[in-house]
C-alpha atoms as a PDB file:
ATOM      1  CA  MET A   1     -62.539 -34.863 -51.566  1.00  0.00           C
ATOM      2  CA  ALA A   2     -58.771 -35.379 -51.754  1.00  0.00           C
ATOM      3  CA  ARG A   3     -56.389 -32.778 -50.392  1.00  0.00           C
ATOM      4  CA  ILE A   4     -56.215 -29.656 -52.513  1.00  0.00           C
ATOM      5  CA  LEU A   5     -52.693 -28.234 -52.630  1.00  0.00           C
ATOM      6  CA  ARG A   6     -51.236 -24.941 -53.773  1.00  0.00           C
ATOM      7  CA  GLY A   7     -49.981 -25.497 -57.327  1.00  0.00           C
ATOM      8  CA  ASP A   8     -52.554 -28.169 -58.203  1.00  0.00           C
ATOM      9  CA  ILE A   9     -54.300 -27.932 -61.552  1.00  0.00           C
ATOM     10  CA  VAL A  10     -57.884 -29.150 -61.231  1.00  0.00           C
ATOM     11  CA  TRP A  11     -61.045 -29.095 -63.306  1.00  0.00           C
ATOM     12  CA  ALA A  12     -63.350 -26.312 -62.113  1.00  0.00           C
ATOM     13  CA  ASP A  13     -66.879 -25.253 -63.003  1.00  0.00           C
ATOM     14  CA  LEU A  14     -66.634 -21.465 -63.344  1.00  0.00           C
ATOM     15  CA  ASN A  15     -70.294 -20.872 -64.282  1.00  0.00           C
ATOM     16  CA  PRO A  16     -72.194 -18.660 -63.737  1.00  0.00           C
ATOM     17  CA  VAL A  17     -70.071 -15.721 -64.840  1.00  0.00           C
ATOM     18  CA  LYS A  18     -70.548 -12.117 -65.911  1.00  0.00           C
ATOM     19  CA  GLY A  19     -68.765  -9.892 -68.379  1.00  0.00           C
ATOM     20  CA  HIS A  20     -65.248 -10.910 -69.374  1.00  0.00           C
ATOM     21  CA  GLU A  21     -64.772 -13.627 -66.737  1.00  0.00           C
ATOM     22  CA  GLN A  22     -63.604 -17.051 -67.909  1.00  0.00           C
ATOM     23  CA  ALA A  23     -66.582 -19.402 -68.164  1.00  0.00           C
ATOM     24  CA  GLY A  24     -67.430 -23.070 -68.252  1.00  0.00           C
ATOM     25  CA  LEU A  25     -65.732 -26.235 -67.126  1.00  0.00           C
ATOM     26  CA  ARG A  26     -62.012 -25.604 -67.450  1.00  0.00           C
ATOM     27  CA  PRO A  27     -58.730 -26.256 -65.657  1.00  0.00           C
ATOM     28  CA  ALA A  28     -57.797 -23.903 -62.832  1.00  0.00           C
ATOM     29  CA  LEU A  29     -54.567 -23.408 -60.908  1.00  0.00           C
ATOM     30  CA  ILE A  30     -54.906 -23.419 -57.105  1.00  0.00           C
ATOM     31  CA  LEU A  31     -53.087 -20.501 -55.431  1.00  0.00           C
ATOM     32  CA  SER A  32     -54.247 -20.890 -51.838  1.00  0.00           C
ATOM     33  CA  PRO A  33     -52.419 -23.150 -49.362  1.00  0.00           C
ATOM     34  CA  GLU A  34     -53.808 -26.489 -48.165  1.00  0.00           C
ATOM     35  CA  ILE A  35     -54.724 -25.223 -44.683  1.00  0.00           C
ATOM     36  CA  PHE A  36     -56.863 -22.418 -46.186  1.00  0.00           C
ATOM     37  CA  ASN A  37     -58.515 -24.824 -48.613  1.00  0.00           C
ATOM     38  CA  ASP A  38     -59.330 -27.345 -45.870  1.00  0.00           C
ATOM     39  CA  ARG A  39     -60.647 -24.873 -43.319  1.00  0.00           C
ATOM     40  CA  SER A  40     -62.543 -22.455 -45.549  1.00  0.00           C
ATOM     41  CA  GLY A  41     -64.247 -24.828 -47.965  1.00  0.00           C
ATOM     42  CA  THR A  42     -63.019 -22.525 -50.740  1.00  0.00           C
ATOM     43  CA  VAL A  43     -59.895 -22.115 -52.862  1.00  0.00           C
ATOM     44  CA  ILE A  44     -58.282 -19.128 -54.522  1.00  0.00           C
ATOM     45  CA  ALA A  45     -57.585 -20.043 -58.133  1.00  0.00           C
ATOM     46  CA  MET A  46     -56.645 -18.728 -61.569  1.00  0.00           C
ATOM     47  CA  ALA A  47     -58.338 -19.812 -64.790  1.00  0.00           C
ATOM     48  CA  LEU A  48     -56.332 -21.675 -67.418  1.00  0.00           C
ATOM     49  CA  THR A  49     -56.869 -21.634 -71.176  1.00  0.00           C
ATOM     50  CA  SER A  50     -55.607 -23.574 -74.168  1.00  0.00           C
ATOM     51  CA  GLN A  51     -56.163 -20.605 -76.479  1.00  0.00           C
ATOM     52  CA  PRO A  52     -52.892 -18.864 -77.440  1.00  0.00           C
ATOM     53  CA  GLN A  53     -52.700 -15.538 -75.642  1.00  0.00           C
ATOM     54  CA  LYS A  54     -51.908 -12.143 -77.175  1.00  0.00           C
ATOM     55  CA  ALA A  55     -51.200 -10.617 -73.769  1.00  0.00           C
ATOM     56  CA  GLY A  56     -47.901 -11.724 -72.299  1.00  0.00           C
ATOM     57  CA  PHE A  57     -46.507 -11.772 -68.781  1.00  0.00           C
ATOM     58  CA  PRO A  58     -47.669 -10.588 -66.261  1.00  0.00           C
ATOM     59  CA  LEU A  59     -51.240 -11.016 -67.574  1.00  0.00           C
ATOM     60  CA  THR A  60     -50.669 -14.565 -68.846  1.00  0.00           C
ATOM     61  CA  MET A  61     -47.952 -17.206 -68.683  1.00  0.00           C
ATOM     62  CA  GLU A  62     -47.586 -20.530 -70.456  1.00  0.00           C
ATOM     63  CA  ILE A  63     -47.538 -23.571 -68.158  1.00  0.00           C
ATOM     64  CA  THR A  64     -44.705 -25.876 -69.203  1.00  0.00           C
ATOM     65  CA  SER A  65     -43.873 -27.885 -66.060  1.00  0.00           C
ATOM     66  CA  VAL A  66     -47.000 -30.094 -66.309  1.00  0.00           C
ATOM     67  CA  SER A  67     -47.832 -32.519 -69.092  1.00  0.00           C
ATOM     68  CA  LEU A  68     -51.289 -31.374 -70.192  1.00  0.00           C
ATOM     69  CA  PRO A  69     -53.239 -32.465 -73.311  1.00  0.00           C
ATOM     70  CA  LYS A  70     -52.831 -29.036 -74.981  1.00  0.00           C
ATOM     71  CA  PRO A  71     -50.510 -26.042 -74.628  1.00  0.00           C
ATOM     72  CA  THR A  72     -51.884 -24.146 -71.632  1.00  0.00           C
ATOM     73  CA  TRP A  73     -51.659 -20.589 -70.310  1.00  0.00           C
ATOM     74  CA  VAL A  74     -52.552 -19.350 -66.844  1.00  0.00           C
ATOM     75  CA  LYS A  75     -54.630 -16.186 -66.971  1.00  0.00           C
ATOM     76  CA  ILE A  76     -52.970 -14.393 -64.070  1.00  0.00           C
ATOM     77  CA  SER A  77     -55.527 -11.593 -64.242  1.00  0.00           C
ATOM     78  CA  GLN A  78     -58.427 -14.082 -63.830  1.00  0.00           C
ATOM     79  CA  ILE A  79     -58.210 -14.815 -60.099  1.00  0.00           C
ATOM     80  CA  ARG A  80     -61.299 -16.145 -58.284  1.00  0.00           C
ATOM     81  CA  THR A  81     -62.408 -17.619 -55.002  1.00  0.00           C
ATOM     82  CA  LEU A  82     -64.282 -20.864 -55.649  1.00  0.00           C
ATOM     83  CA  SER A  83     -66.179 -23.282 -53.445  1.00  0.00           C
ATOM     84  CA  VAL A  84     -64.479 -26.682 -53.305  1.00  0.00           C
ATOM     85  CA  GLU A  85     -67.837 -28.005 -54.577  1.00  0.00           C
ATOM     86  CA  ARG A  86     -66.940 -26.471 -57.976  1.00  0.00           C
ATOM     87  CA  LEU A  87     -63.753 -28.576 -58.232  1.00  0.00           C
ATOM     88  CA  GLY A  88     -63.246 -31.886 -59.985  1.00  0.00           C
ATOM     89  CA  LYS A  89     -60.398 -34.187 -60.929  1.00  0.00           C
ATOM     90  CA  ARG A  90     -56.777 -33.193 -60.395  1.00  0.00           C
ATOM     91  CA  MET A  91     -54.801 -32.862 -63.640  1.00  0.00           C
ATOM     92  CA  GLY A  92     -51.316 -32.139 -62.334  1.00  0.00           C
ATOM     93  CA  HIS A  93     -49.142 -29.865 -60.222  1.00  0.00           C
ATOM     94  CA  VAL A  94     -46.955 -26.958 -61.419  1.00  0.00           C
ATOM     95  CA  SER A  95     -43.306 -26.707 -60.405  1.00  0.00           C
ATOM     96  CA  ASP A  96     -42.234 -24.463 -57.525  1.00  0.00           C
ATOM     97  CA  ASP A  97     -40.345 -22.261 -60.022  1.00  0.00           C
ATOM     98  CA  GLU A  98     -43.434 -21.755 -62.182  1.00  0.00           C
ATOM     99  CA  MET A  99     -45.571 -21.065 -59.126  1.00  0.00           C
ATOM    100  CA  SER A 100     -43.088 -18.386 -58.016  1.00  0.00           C
ATOM    101  CA  GLN A 101     -43.216 -16.751 -61.470  1.00  0.00           C
ATOM    102  CA  ILE A 102     -47.035 -16.757 -61.405  1.00  0.00           C
ATOM    103  CA  ILE A 103     -47.101 -15.116 -57.958  1.00  0.00           C
ATOM    104  CA  GLU A 104     -44.540 -12.570 -59.229  1.00  0.00           C
ATOM    105  CA  GLY A 105     -46.874 -11.786 -62.142  1.00  0.00           C
ATOM    106  CA  LEU A 106     -49.813 -11.347 -59.763  1.00  0.00           C
ATOM    107  CA  ASN A 107     -47.739  -8.991 -57.625  1.00  0.00           C
ATOM    108  CA  GLU A 108     -46.912  -6.939 -60.735  1.00  0.00           C
ATOM    109  CA  ILE A 109     -50.608  -6.633 -61.561  1.00  0.00           C
ATOM    110  CA  ILE A 110     -51.876  -5.728 -58.089  1.00  0.00           C
ATOM    111  CA  GLY A 111     -48.809  -3.733 -57.044  1.00  0.00           C
ATOM    112  CA  GLU A 112     -47.026  -3.529 -53.734  1.00  0.00           C
ATOM    113  CA  PRO A 113     -48.858  -1.699 -50.921  1.00  0.00           C
ATOM    114  CA  THR A 114     -47.357   1.422 -49.379  1.00  0.00           C
ATOM    115  CA  HIS A 115     -46.735   1.620 -45.621  1.00  0.00           C
ATOM    116  CA  SER A 116     -50.282   2.877 -45.069  1.00  0.00           C
ATOM    117  CA  GLY A 117     -51.600  -0.062 -47.123  1.00  0.00           C
ATOM    118  CA  TYR A 118     -53.012   2.112 -49.924  1.00  0.00           C
ATOM    119  CA  ARG A 119     -51.561   3.963 -52.866  1.00  0.00           C
ATOM    120  CA  ARG A 120     -52.888   7.410 -53.591  1.00  0.00           C
END
């Protein structure tokens, strides 16, 4: 398989799923860096959707820096670790600015740790 880079948008098979997880063969945005992807055999990714989203930032954000067949939103709250065996063809790569905004949204959702590492 070709190198998998942070910021790549690739096809991913997200099945099987449970509950409200995103399902099926769909684009996913790679969050993890190349060295992690190469050494672990997994990637950390977020599901993408072409369905207009009611929830705004930080839960979702429209991807505009990549020419995709349909308008596309990253579901920042749908983060998963996937085996590289679930990944297919590369569709594009988001800009550094968009990647920074997505990480900012994730940080808003999960919060900043306190000095002890846990909030009470």
